[in-house]
Amino acid sequence: MNIPWKQAEKLVQELAWRDYWQNIWIDKGEEINQDLRNKQFPVSSKEIPDAIVHAQTGIDAVDSAIEKLYDTGYMHNHMRMYVASICCNLAQCHWLTPAKWLYSHLLDGDVGSNQLSWQWVCGSNSNKKYYANQSNINRYFNSSQKKTFLDVSYEVLSSMEVPEVLRKTIKPQFDENLPNNSTSNLEKGRATVIYNYYNLDPFWHRNESVQRVFLIEPSVFAKYPISKKCMDFALQLGSNIPELNVYVGEFDALQNELQTKEIVFKEHPLNRHYNGQEEPRKWLTNTSGYHRSFFAFWKKCKKELEW
């Protein structure tokens, strides 16, 4: 079924955002973990509001969404922006720790999209901060709540003191959730394809006689921790790949154990230290490289996509 471009454009544009963030990550590398273009200001804490972690902000839609995040691993994109705005622009917390907390619970978590979206909200990777008041939240989440700290005009919201409910901040707990069933029966010298947390495509090299390894590097998950729910979800996806070996360890150790140069993997910013045959990822368009704004990137994408 062919869908007219005008009906499909918004959905395709949302998909293009992830490509946009990924291209910035490829270009900027580790810089995405610090204020990229502007210094976030003001910053009163490098922690996260206790009320956010415990879903006790008093904003019903927000608290419900956080509880749903813990339960399902999902959060609506608008809500992610609302939570980021509350943490950064109202509670005056630096974006990095709250961003780490959110990513750790998202089944669809993507480091590039997550870090750079938080920076877009707090103004460290954009021209201005993003705010949402109670009226905006009511509109998009079918609520009618009144008399909250967000139930004010945008002029007041952008200049208000930190609300009392957001003043207590904490360091969120990140547990190690690596599986303990690492394989020990790898075949030495055999051609091997490497899967990762961000590449569990069951159709990749599907009909080839190769050894398949889901590589879980402790160093990656120490830097970007995930919940047990997220790890279990990844392992479940991996079960769709026949004869997939789970290996918990660093790439160098795996390479030494394999004793082969026939190692194939997909390009990604988190595996630049791999050795072997790198294959390109699939992208929405051929548009690549750093673009200062999404709409400059999207303008080029549209030329390939529009029909």
C-alpha atoms as a PDB file:
ATOM      1  CA  MET A   1       0.000   0.000   0.000  1.00  0.00           C
ATOM      2  CA  ASN A   2       1.379   3.381  -1.019  1.00  0.00           C
ATOM      3  CA  ILE A   3       0.930   6.155   1.530  1.00  0.00           C
ATOM      4  CA  PRO A   4       1.062   9.774   0.295  1.00  0.00           C
ATOM      5  CA  TRP A   5       4.184  11.626   1.414  1.00  0.00           C
ATOM      6  CA  LYS A   6       2.182  14.243   3.310  1.00  0.00           C
ATOM      7  CA  GLN A   7       0.725  11.491   5.515  1.00  0.00           C
ATOM      8  CA  ALA A   8       4.033   9.697   6.052  1.00  0.00           C
ATOM      9  CA  GLU A   9       6.353  12.676   6.440  1.00  0.00           C
ATOM     10  CA  LYS A  10       5.941  13.186  10.192  1.00  0.00           C
ATOM     11  CA  LEU A  11       6.660   9.533  10.992  1.00  0.00           C
ATOM     12  CA  VAL A  12       9.678   9.445   8.682  1.00  0.00           C
ATOM     13  CA  GLN A  13      10.937  12.682  10.227  1.00  0.00           C
ATOM     14  CA  GLU A  14      10.818  11.104  13.693  1.00  0.00           C
ATOM     15  CA  LEU A  15      12.940   8.211  12.401  1.00  0.00           C
ATOM     16  CA  ALA A  16      15.383  10.705  10.900  1.00  0.00           C
ATOM     17  CA  TRP A  17      16.040  12.226  14.341  1.00  0.00           C
ATOM     18  CA  ARG A  18      17.841   9.059  15.442  1.00  0.00           C
ATOM     19  CA  ASP A  19      20.016   9.101  12.321  1.00  0.00           C
ATOM     20  CA  TYR A  20      20.746  12.758  13.014  1.00  0.00           C
ATOM     21  CA  TRP A  21      21.872  12.109  16.596  1.00  0.00           C
ATOM     22  CA  GLN A  22      23.921   9.083  15.497  1.00  0.00           C
ATOM     23  CA  ASN A  23      25.771  11.163  12.907  1.00  0.00           C
ATOM     24  CA  ILE A  24      26.653  13.732  15.552  1.00  0.00           C
ATOM     25  CA  TRP A  25      27.915  10.938  17.823  1.00  0.00           C
ATOM     26  CA  ILE A  26      30.064   9.541  15.009  1.00  0.00           C
ATOM     27  CA  ASP A  27      31.530  12.995  14.390  1.00  0.00           C
ATOM     28  CA  LYS A  28      31.940  14.179  17.987  1.00  0.00           C
ATOM     29  CA  GLY A  29      32.678  10.905  19.756  1.00  0.00           C
ATOM     30  CA  GLU A  30      33.184  11.257  23.515  1.00  0.00           C
ATOM     31  CA  GLU A  31      32.227  14.933  23.340  1.00  0.00           C
ATOM     32  CA  ILE A  32      28.550  13.956  23.480  1.00  0.00           C
ATOM     33  CA  ASN A  33      29.094  13.140  27.172  1.00  0.00           C
ATOM     34  CA  GLN A  34      29.861  16.767  27.993  1.00  0.00           C
ATOM     35  CA  ASP A  35      28.209  20.095  27.236  1.00  0.00           C
ATOM     36  CA  LEU A  36      28.570  20.130  23.469  1.00  0.00           C
ATOM     37  CA  ARG A  37      27.926  23.690  22.277  1.00  0.00           C
ATOM     38  CA  ASN A  38      27.001  25.768  25.321  1.00  0.00           C
ATOM     39  CA  LYS A  39      27.677  25.413  29.022  1.00  0.00           C
ATOM     40  CA  GLN A  40      24.472  24.432  30.811  1.00  0.00           C
ATOM     41  CA  PHE A  41      23.429  27.223  33.166  1.00  0.00           C
ATOM     42  CA  PRO A  42      22.465  27.419  35.938  1.00  0.00           C
ATOM     43  CA  VAL A  43      23.556  24.116  37.507  1.00  0.00           C
ATOM     44  CA  SER A  44      23.028  23.542  41.225  1.00  0.00           C
ATOM     45  CA  SER A  45      23.544  19.778  41.334  1.00  0.00           C
ATOM     46  CA  LYS A  46      25.168  16.946  39.407  1.00  0.00           C
ATOM     47  CA  GLU A  47      22.633  14.471  40.776  1.00  0.00           C
ATOM     48  CA  ILE A  48      18.946  13.851  39.975  1.00  0.00           C
ATOM     49  CA  PRO A  49      15.815  14.949  41.851  1.00  0.00           C
ATOM     50  CA  ASP A  50      14.692  12.333  44.354  1.00  0.00           C
ATOM     51  CA  ALA A  51      11.113  13.070  43.300  1.00  0.00           C
ATOM     52  CA  ILE A  52      11.883  11.990  39.745  1.00  0.00           C
ATOM     53  CA  VAL A  53      13.507   8.691  40.717  1.00  0.00           C
ATOM     54  CA  HIS A  54      10.640   7.827  43.073  1.00  0.00           C
ATOM     55  CA  ALA A  55       7.866   9.174  40.806  1.00  0.00           C
ATOM     56  CA  GLN A  56       6.723  11.694  43.409  1.00  0.00           C
ATOM     57  CA  THR A  57       6.851  15.029  41.578  1.00  0.00           C
ATOM     58  CA  GLY A  58       3.145  15.666  42.145  1.00  0.00           C
ATOM     59  CA  ILE A  59       2.616  15.932  38.386  1.00  0.00           C
ATOM     60  CA  ASP A  60       0.260  12.995  37.870  1.00  0.00           C
ATOM     61  CA  ALA A  61       1.084  12.365  34.206  1.00  0.00           C
ATOM     62  CA  VAL A  62       4.815  12.538  34.879  1.00  0.00           C
ATOM     63  CA  ASP A  63       4.717  10.249  37.916  1.00  0.00           C
ATOM     64  CA  SER A  64       2.549   7.750  36.061  1.00  0.00           C
ATOM     65  CA  ALA A  65       4.957   7.789  33.101  1.00  0.00           C
ATOM     66  CA  ILE A  66       7.970   7.116  35.351  1.00  0.00           C
ATOM     67  CA  GLU A  67       6.196   4.189  36.996  1.00  0.00           C
ATOM     68  CA  LYS A  68       5.316   2.884  33.532  1.00  0.00           C
ATOM     69  CA  LEU A  69       8.972   3.262  32.516  1.00  0.00           C
ATOM     70  CA  TYR A  70      10.038   1.042  35.410  1.00  0.00           C
ATOM     71  CA  ASP A  71       7.318  -1.466  34.579  1.00  0.00           C
ATOM     72  CA  THR A  72       7.587  -1.625  30.786  1.00  0.00           C
ATOM     73  CA  GLY A  73      10.842   0.007  29.708  1.00  0.00           C
ATOM     74  CA  TYR A  74       9.062   2.586  27.580  1.00  0.00           C
ATOM     75  CA  MET A  75       8.341   6.315  27.836  1.00  0.00           C
ATOM     76  CA  HIS A  76       6.601   8.548  25.293  1.00  0.00           C
ATOM     77  CA  ASN A  77       8.981  10.896  23.481  1.00  0.00           C
ATOM     78  CA  HIS A  78       7.110  14.013  24.663  1.00  0.00           C
ATOM     79  CA  MET A  79       7.327  12.758  28.234  1.00  0.00           C
ATOM     80  CA  ARG A  80      11.070  12.229  27.919  1.00  0.00           C
ATOM     81  CA  MET A  81      11.372  15.921  27.093  1.00  0.00           C
ATOM     82  CA  TYR A  82       9.098  16.905  29.991  1.00  0.00           C
ATOM     83  CA  VAL A  83      11.177  14.856  32.443  1.00  0.00           C
ATOM     84  CA  ALA A  84      14.415  16.306  31.079  1.00  0.00           C
ATOM     85  CA  SER A  85      13.062  19.848  31.367  1.00  0.00           C
ATOM     86  CA  ILE A  86      11.993  19.283  34.972  1.00  0.00           C
ATOM     87  CA  CYS A  87      15.391  17.823  35.885  1.00  0.00           C
ATOM     88  CA  CYS A  88      17.564  20.340  34.082  1.00  0.00           C
ATOM     89  CA  ASN A  89      15.644  23.582  33.686  1.00  0.00           C
ATOM     90  CA  LEU A  90      13.598  23.590  36.891  1.00  0.00           C
ATOM     91  CA  ALA A  91      15.634  21.467  39.338  1.00  0.00           C
ATOM     92  CA  GLN A  92      18.880  22.881  37.859  1.00  0.00           C
ATOM     93  CA  CYS A  93      20.545  19.457  37.718  1.00  0.00           C
ATOM     94  CA  HIS A  94      23.277  18.906  35.171  1.00  0.00           C
ATOM     95  CA  TRP A  95      21.871  16.735  32.410  1.00  0.00           C
ATOM     96  CA  LEU A  96      24.411  13.873  32.463  1.00  0.00           C
ATOM     97  CA  THR A  97      23.282  11.926  35.556  1.00  0.00           C
ATOM     98  CA  PRO A  98      19.525  12.151  34.822  1.00  0.00           C
ATOM     99  CA  ALA A  99      20.238  11.155  31.212  1.00  0.00           C
ATOM    100  CA  LYS A 100      22.171   8.119  32.454  1.00  0.00           C
ATOM    101  CA  TRP A 101      19.228   7.194  34.708  1.00  0.00           C
ATOM    102  CA  LEU A 102      16.682   7.392  31.879  1.00  0.00           C
ATOM    103  CA  TYR A 103      18.822   5.475  29.391  1.00  0.00           C
ATOM    104  CA  SER A 104      19.336   2.670  31.883  1.00  0.00           C
ATOM    105  CA  HIS A 105      15.605   1.895  31.882  1.00  0.00           C
ATOM    106  CA  LEU A 106      14.724   2.308  28.185  1.00  0.00           C
ATOM    107  CA  LEU A 107      14.275  -0.852  26.139  1.00  0.00           C
ATOM    108  CA  ASP A 108      14.786   1.290  23.024  1.00  0.00           C
ATOM    109  CA  GLY A 109      17.667   3.179  24.609  1.00  0.00           C
ATOM    110  CA  ASP A 110      20.215   4.709  22.260  1.00  0.00           C
ATOM    111  CA  VAL A 111      23.178   6.547  23.758  1.00  0.00           C
ATOM    112  CA  GLY A 112      23.478   9.112  20.963  1.00  0.00           C
ATOM    113  CA  SER A 113      19.776   9.968  20.903  1.00  0.00           C
ATOM    114  CA  ASN A 114      19.586  10.037  24.679  1.00  0.00           C
ATOM    115  CA  GLN A 115      22.616  12.197  25.479  1.00  0.00           C
ATOM    116  CA  LEU A 116      22.024  14.679  22.698  1.00  0.00           C
ATOM    117  CA  SER A 117      18.268  14.960  23.302  1.00  0.00           C
ATOM    118  CA  TRP A 118      18.904  15.843  26.957  1.00  0.00           C
ATOM    119  CA  GLN A 119      21.403  18.447  25.789  1.00  0.00           C
ATOM    120  CA  TRP A 120      18.854  19.798  23.324  1.00  0.00           C
ATOM    121  CA  VAL A 121      16.354  20.277  26.196  1.00  0.00           C
ATOM    122  CA  CYS A 122      18.789  21.955  28.618  1.00  0.00           C
ATOM    123  CA  GLY A 123      20.305  24.262  25.999  1.00  0.00           C
ATOM    124  CA  SER A 124      23.818  22.818  25.904  1.00  0.00           C
ATOM    125  CA  ASN A 125      23.235  21.591  22.336  1.00  0.00           C
ATOM    126  CA  SER A 126      20.590  24.056  21.184  1.00  0.00           C
ATOM    127  CA  ASN A 127      19.888  27.758  20.992  1.00  0.00           C
ATOM    128  CA  LYS A 128      17.375  27.789  23.841  1.00  0.00           C
ATOM    129  CA  LYS A 129      15.986  25.624  26.620  1.00  0.00           C
ATOM    130  CA  TYR A 130      12.823  23.574  26.256  1.00  0.00           C
ATOM    131  CA  TYR A 131       9.992  24.083  28.749  1.00  0.00           C
ATOM    132  CA  ALA A 132       6.572  22.495  29.126  1.00  0.00           C
ATOM    133  CA  ASN A 133       3.938  23.765  31.551  1.00  0.00           C
ATOM    134  CA  GLN A 134       0.957  21.948  33.064  1.00  0.00           C
ATOM    135  CA  SER A 135      -1.353  23.074  30.280  1.00  0.00           C
ATOM    136  CA  ASN A 136       0.936  21.496  27.689  1.00  0.00           C
ATOM    137  CA  ILE A 137       1.115  18.235  29.623  1.00  0.00           C
ATOM    138  CA  ASN A 138      -2.662  18.175  30.101  1.00  0.00           C
ATOM    139  CA  ARG A 139      -3.147  18.649  26.393  1.00  0.00           C
ATOM    140  CA  TYR A 140      -0.915  15.810  25.238  1.00  0.00           C
ATOM    141  CA  PHE A 141      -1.584  13.342  28.063  1.00  0.00           C
ATOM    142  CA  ASN A 142      -5.334  13.747  28.379  1.00  0.00           C
ATOM    143  CA  SER A 143      -5.192  15.089  31.932  1.00  0.00           C
ATOM    144  CA  SER A 144      -6.784  18.084  33.639  1.00  0.00           C
ATOM    145  CA  GLN A 145      -4.553  18.616  36.664  1.00  0.00           C
ATOM    146  CA  LYS A 146      -4.298  22.109  38.153  1.00  0.00           C
ATOM    147  CA  LYS A 147      -2.375  23.950  40.869  1.00  0.00           C
ATOM    148  CA  THR A 148       0.966  22.219  40.411  1.00  0.00           C
ATOM    149  CA  PHE A 149       4.379  23.893  40.236  1.00  0.00           C
ATOM    150  CA  LEU A 150       4.047  23.633  36.449  1.00  0.00           C
ATOM    151  CA  ASP A 151       0.646  25.330  36.373  1.00  0.00           C
ATOM    152  CA  VAL A 152       2.095  28.721  35.455  1.00  0.00           C
ATOM    153  CA  SER A 153       2.861  30.697  32.317  1.00  0.00           C
ATOM    154  CA  TYR A 154       6.031  30.063  30.338  1.00  0.00           C
ATOM    155  CA  GLU A 155       7.367  33.461  31.393  1.00  0.00           C
ATOM    156  CA  VAL A 156       7.108  32.454  35.052  1.00  0.00           C
ATOM    157  CA  LEU A 157       8.353  28.932  34.373  1.00  0.00           C
ATOM    158  CA  SER A 158      11.611  30.106  32.812  1.00  0.00           C
ATOM    159  CA  SER A 159      12.520  32.336  35.748  1.00  0.00           C
ATOM    160  CA  MET A 160      11.139  30.538  38.814  1.00  0.00           C
ATOM    161  CA  GLU A 161      13.200  29.263  41.738  1.00  0.00           C
ATOM    162  CA  VAL A 162      13.691  25.533  42.154  1.00  0.00           C
ATOM    163  CA  PRO A 163      10.363  24.092  43.377  1.00  0.00           C
ATOM    164  CA  GLU A 164      10.525  22.644  46.879  1.00  0.00           C
ATOM    165  CA  VAL A 165       9.616  19.138  45.702  1.00  0.00           C
ATOM    166  CA  LEU A 166      12.669  19.088  43.400  1.00  0.00           C
ATOM    167  CA  ARG A 167      15.293  20.377  45.822  1.00  0.00           C
ATOM    168  CA  LYS A 168      16.348  17.029  47.262  1.00  0.00           C
ATOM    169  CA  THR A 169      18.711  15.311  44.845  1.00  0.00           C
ATOM    170  CA  ILE A 170      20.326  11.869  44.957  1.00  0.00           C
ATOM    171  CA  LYS A 171      22.820   9.700  43.125  1.00  0.00           C
ATOM    172  CA  PRO A 172      20.786   6.988  41.378  1.00  0.00           C
ATOM    173  CA  GLN A 173      21.776   3.381  41.967  1.00  0.00           C
ATOM    174  CA  PHE A 174      23.138   1.569  38.935  1.00  0.00           C
ATOM    175  CA  ASP A 175      23.531  -2.170  39.441  1.00  0.00           C
ATOM    176  CA  GLU A 176      25.646  -4.476  37.312  1.00  0.00           C
ATOM    177  CA  ASN A 177      23.200  -6.551  35.298  1.00  0.00           C
ATOM    178  CA  LEU A 178      25.512  -8.637  33.142  1.00  0.00           C
ATOM    179  CA  PRO A 179      24.490 -12.251  32.491  1.00  0.00           C
ATOM    180  CA  ASN A 180      26.503 -15.005  34.142  1.00  0.00           C
ATOM    181  CA  ASN A 181      25.970 -17.556  31.377  1.00  0.00           C
ATOM    182  CA  SER A 182      28.920 -16.575  29.198  1.00  0.00           C
ATOM    183  CA  THR A 183      29.804 -19.252  26.638  1.00  0.00           C
ATOM    184  CA  SER A 184      32.964 -21.297  27.006  1.00  0.00           C
ATOM    185  CA  ASN A 185      32.745 -23.489  23.897  1.00  0.00           C
ATOM    186  CA  LEU A 186      33.832 -21.165  21.098  1.00  0.00           C
ATOM    187  CA  GLU A 187      35.512 -22.734  18.079  1.00  0.00           C
ATOM    188  CA  LYS A 188      39.008 -21.407  17.496  1.00  0.00           C
ATOM    189  CA  GLY A 189      39.910 -20.308  14.003  1.00  0.00           C
ATOM    190  CA  ARG A 190      36.309 -20.163  12.756  1.00  0.00           C
ATOM    191  CA  ALA A 191      34.876 -17.135  10.956  1.00  0.00           C
ATOM    192  CA  THR A 192      32.817 -15.192  13.512  1.00  0.00           C
ATOM    193  CA  VAL A 193      30.207 -12.447  13.363  1.00  0.00           C
ATOM    194  CA  ILE A 194      29.876 -10.171  16.395  1.00  0.00           C
ATOM    195  CA  TYR A 195      26.474  -9.008  17.634  1.00  0.00           C
ATOM    196  CA  ASN A 196      26.033  -6.311  20.282  1.00  0.00           C
ATOM    197  CA  TYR A 197      23.401  -4.735  22.494  1.00  0.00           C
ATOM    198  CA  TYR A 198      22.761  -2.321  19.597  1.00  0.00           C
ATOM    199  CA  ASN A 199      22.867  -4.971  16.832  1.00  0.00           C
ATOM    200  CA  LEU A 200      20.771  -8.112  17.273  1.00  0.00           C
ATOM    201  CA  ASP A 201      19.484  -8.349  13.711  1.00  0.00           C
ATOM    202  CA  PRO A 202      18.382 -11.989  13.150  1.00  0.00           C
ATOM    203  CA  PHE A 203      18.657 -11.561   9.365  1.00  0.00           C
ATOM    204  CA  TRP A 204      22.283 -10.391   9.376  1.00  0.00           C
ATOM    205  CA  HIS A 205      24.447 -13.064   7.664  1.00  0.00           C
ATOM    206  CA  ARG A 206      21.515 -15.366   8.314  1.00  0.00           C
ATOM    207  CA  ASN A 207      22.244 -18.177   5.858  1.00  0.00           C
ATOM    208  CA  GLU A 208      26.012 -18.274   6.287  1.00  0.00           C
ATOM    209  CA  SER A 209      27.973 -20.934   8.124  1.00  0.00           C
ATOM    210  CA  VAL A 210      29.641 -18.738  10.714  1.00  0.00           C
ATOM    211  CA  GLN A 211      30.079 -18.633  14.451  1.00  0.00           C
ATOM    212  CA  ARG A 212      27.769 -16.095  16.077  1.00  0.00           C
ATOM    213  CA  VAL A 213      28.716 -14.226  19.261  1.00  0.00           C
ATOM    214  CA  PHE A 214      26.699 -11.725  21.293  1.00  0.00           C
ATOM    215  CA  LEU A 215      29.546  -9.700  22.822  1.00  0.00           C
ATOM    216  CA  ILE A 216      28.725  -8.015  26.144  1.00  0.00           C
ATOM    217  CA  GLU A 217      31.671  -5.856  27.190  1.00  0.00           C
ATOM    218  CA  PRO A 218      31.686  -4.953  30.916  1.00  0.00           C
ATOM    219  CA  SER A 219      33.496  -1.693  30.148  1.00  0.00           C
ATOM    220  CA  VAL A 220      30.642  -0.521  27.919  1.00  0.00           C
ATOM    221  CA  PHE A 221      27.956  -1.309  30.468  1.00  0.00           C
ATOM    222  CA  ALA A 222      29.964   0.233  33.307  1.00  0.00           C
ATOM    223  CA  LYS A 223      29.894   3.492  31.373  1.00  0.00           C
ATOM    224  CA  TYR A 224      26.336   3.138  30.079  1.00  0.00           C
ATOM    225  CA  PRO A 225      24.549   0.881  32.609  1.00  0.00           C
ATOM    226  CA  ILE A 226      21.197  -0.711  31.895  1.00  0.00           C
ATOM    227  CA  SER A 227      18.523  -2.297  34.056  1.00  0.00           C
ATOM    228  CA  LYS A 228      17.999  -6.040  34.369  1.00  0.00           C
ATOM    229  CA  LYS A 229      14.799  -5.616  32.356  1.00  0.00           C
ATOM    230  CA  CYS A 230      16.801  -4.149  29.465  1.00  0.00           C
ATOM    231  CA  MET A 231      19.447  -6.860  29.583  1.00  0.00           C
ATOM    232  CA  ASP A 232      16.798  -9.591  29.731  1.00  0.00           C
ATOM    233  CA  PHE A 233      15.077  -7.986  26.743  1.00  0.00           C
ATOM    234  CA  ALA A 234      18.334  -8.025  24.765  1.00  0.00           C
ATOM    235  CA  LEU A 235      18.968 -11.665  25.638  1.00  0.00           C
ATOM    236  CA  GLN A 236      15.415 -12.495  24.555  1.00  0.00           C
ATOM    237  CA  LEU A 237      16.027 -10.791  21.206  1.00  0.00           C
ATOM    238  CA  GLY A 238      19.231 -12.772  20.910  1.00  0.00           C
ATOM    239  CA  SER A 239      17.263 -15.997  21.229  1.00  0.00           C
ATOM    240  CA  ASN A 240      15.903 -15.265  17.722  1.00  0.00           C
ATOM    241  CA  ILE A 241      19.415 -15.808  16.345  1.00  0.00           C
ATOM    242  CA  PRO A 242      20.182 -19.538  15.954  1.00  0.00           C
ATOM    243  CA  GLU A 243      23.247 -20.855  17.809  1.00  0.00           C
ATOM    244  CA  LEU A 244      24.111 -17.461  19.270  1.00  0.00           C
ATOM    245  CA  ASN A 245      26.889 -17.611  21.856  1.00  0.00           C
ATOM    246  CA  VAL A 246      26.787 -15.073  24.694  1.00  0.00           C
ATOM    247  CA  TYR A 247      30.260 -13.835  25.625  1.00  0.00           C
ATOM    248  CA  VAL A 248      30.756 -11.544  28.623  1.00  0.00           C
ATOM    249  CA  GLY A 249      34.184  -9.966  28.309  1.00  0.00           C
ATOM    250  CA  GLU A 250      36.196  -7.417  26.377  1.00  0.00           C
ATOM    251  CA  PHE A 251      36.803  -7.635  22.634  1.00  0.00           C
ATOM    252  CA  ASP A 252      40.549  -8.210  23.033  1.00  0.00           C
ATOM    253  CA  ALA A 253      39.922 -11.257  25.227  1.00  0.00           C
ATOM    254  CA  LEU A 254      37.393 -12.618  22.750  1.00  0.00           C
ATOM    255  CA  GLN A 255      39.767 -12.079  19.843  1.00  0.00           C
ATOM    256  CA  ASN A 256      42.553 -13.900  21.660  1.00  0.00           C
ATOM    257  CA  GLU A 257      40.216 -16.801  22.352  1.00  0.00           C
ATOM    258  CA  LEU A 258      38.933 -16.985  18.773  1.00  0.00           C
ATOM    259  CA  GLN A 259      42.406 -16.968  17.212  1.00  0.00           C
ATOM    260  CA  THR A 260      41.040 -15.795  13.870  1.00  0.00           C
ATOM    261  CA  LYS A 261      41.215 -12.649  11.797  1.00  0.00           C
ATOM    262  CA  GLU A 262      37.845 -13.464  10.210  1.00  0.00           C
ATOM    263  CA  ILE A 263      35.753 -11.318  12.536  1.00  0.00           C
ATOM    264  CA  VAL A 264      32.830  -9.332  11.118  1.00  0.00           C
ATOM    265  CA  PHE A 265      30.998  -6.528  12.943  1.00  0.00           C
ATOM    266  CA  LYS A 266      28.820  -3.523  12.200  1.00  0.00           C
ATOM    267  CA  GLU A 267      30.102   0.045  12.433  1.00  0.00           C
ATOM    268  CA  HIS A 268      29.137   1.814  15.646  1.00  0.00           C
ATOM    269  CA  PRO A 269      30.767   4.471  17.867  1.00  0.00           C
ATOM    270  CA  LEU A 270      31.040   1.963  20.728  1.00  0.00           C
ATOM    271  CA  ASN A 271      33.130  -0.550  18.801  1.00  0.00           C
ATOM    272  CA  ARG A 272      35.846   1.563  17.257  1.00  0.00           C
ATOM    273  CA  HIS A 273      38.380  -0.571  19.120  1.00  0.00           C
ATOM    274  CA  TYR A 274      37.309  -3.754  17.297  1.00  0.00           C
ATOM    275  CA  ASN A 275      39.586  -5.413  14.738  1.00  0.00           C
ATOM    276  CA  GLY A 276      38.304  -7.272  11.713  1.00  0.00           C
ATOM    277  CA  GLN A 277      35.895  -6.561   8.872  1.00  0.00           C
ATOM    278  CA  GLU A 278      33.647  -3.599   9.601  1.00  0.00           C
ATOM    279  CA  GLU A 279      30.331  -3.446   7.759  1.00  0.00           C
ATOM    280  CA  PRO A 280      28.182  -0.316   7.416  1.00  0.00           C
ATOM    281  CA  ARG A 281      24.894   0.058   9.226  1.00  0.00           C
ATOM    282  CA  LYS A 282      21.653   0.679   7.383  1.00  0.00           C
ATOM    283  CA  TRP A 283      20.615   4.324   7.341  1.00  0.00           C
ATOM    284  CA  LEU A 284      17.390   6.042   6.384  1.00  0.00           C
ATOM    285  CA  THR A 285      19.195   8.050   3.666  1.00  0.00           C
ATOM    286  CA  ASN A 286      22.708   8.700   2.386  1.00  0.00           C
ATOM    287  CA  THR A 287      22.855  12.009   4.270  1.00  0.00           C
ATOM    288  CA  SER A 288      25.689  11.888   6.755  1.00  0.00           C
ATOM    289  CA  GLY A 289      28.140  14.016   8.721  1.00  0.00           C
ATOM    290  CA  TYR A 290      27.693  16.700  11.359  1.00  0.00           C
ATOM    291  CA  HIS A 291      24.854  19.195  10.921  1.00  0.00           C
ATOM    292  CA  ARG A 292      24.391  21.977  13.448  1.00  0.00           C
ATOM    293  CA  SER A 293      20.590  21.719  13.264  1.00  0.00           C
ATOM    294  CA  PHE A 294      18.208  18.859  12.624  1.00  0.00           C
ATOM    295  CA  PHE A 295      16.323  20.779   9.962  1.00  0.00           C
ATOM    296  CA  ALA A 296      19.494  21.359   7.934  1.00  0.00           C
ATOM    297  CA  PHE A 297      19.976  17.575   8.071  1.00  0.00           C
ATOM    298  CA  TRP A 298      16.290  16.890   7.329  1.00  0.00           C
ATOM    299  CA  LYS A 299      16.285  19.197   4.320  1.00  0.00           C
ATOM    300  CA  LYS A 300      18.887  16.972   2.667  1.00  0.00           C
ATOM    301  CA  CYS A 301      17.101  13.800   3.717  1.00  0.00           C
ATOM    302  CA  LYS A 302      13.840  14.946   2.136  1.00  0.00           C
ATOM    303  CA  LYS A 303      15.446  15.233  -1.269  1.00  0.00           C
ATOM    304  CA  GLU A 304      16.067  11.476  -1.170  1.00  0.00           C
ATOM    305  CA  LEU A 305      12.841  10.459   0.555  1.00  0.00           C
ATOM    306  CA  GLU A 306      10.049  12.626  -0.824  1.00  0.00           C
ATOM    307  CA  TRP A 307       7.712  10.984  -3.290  1.00  0.00           C
END
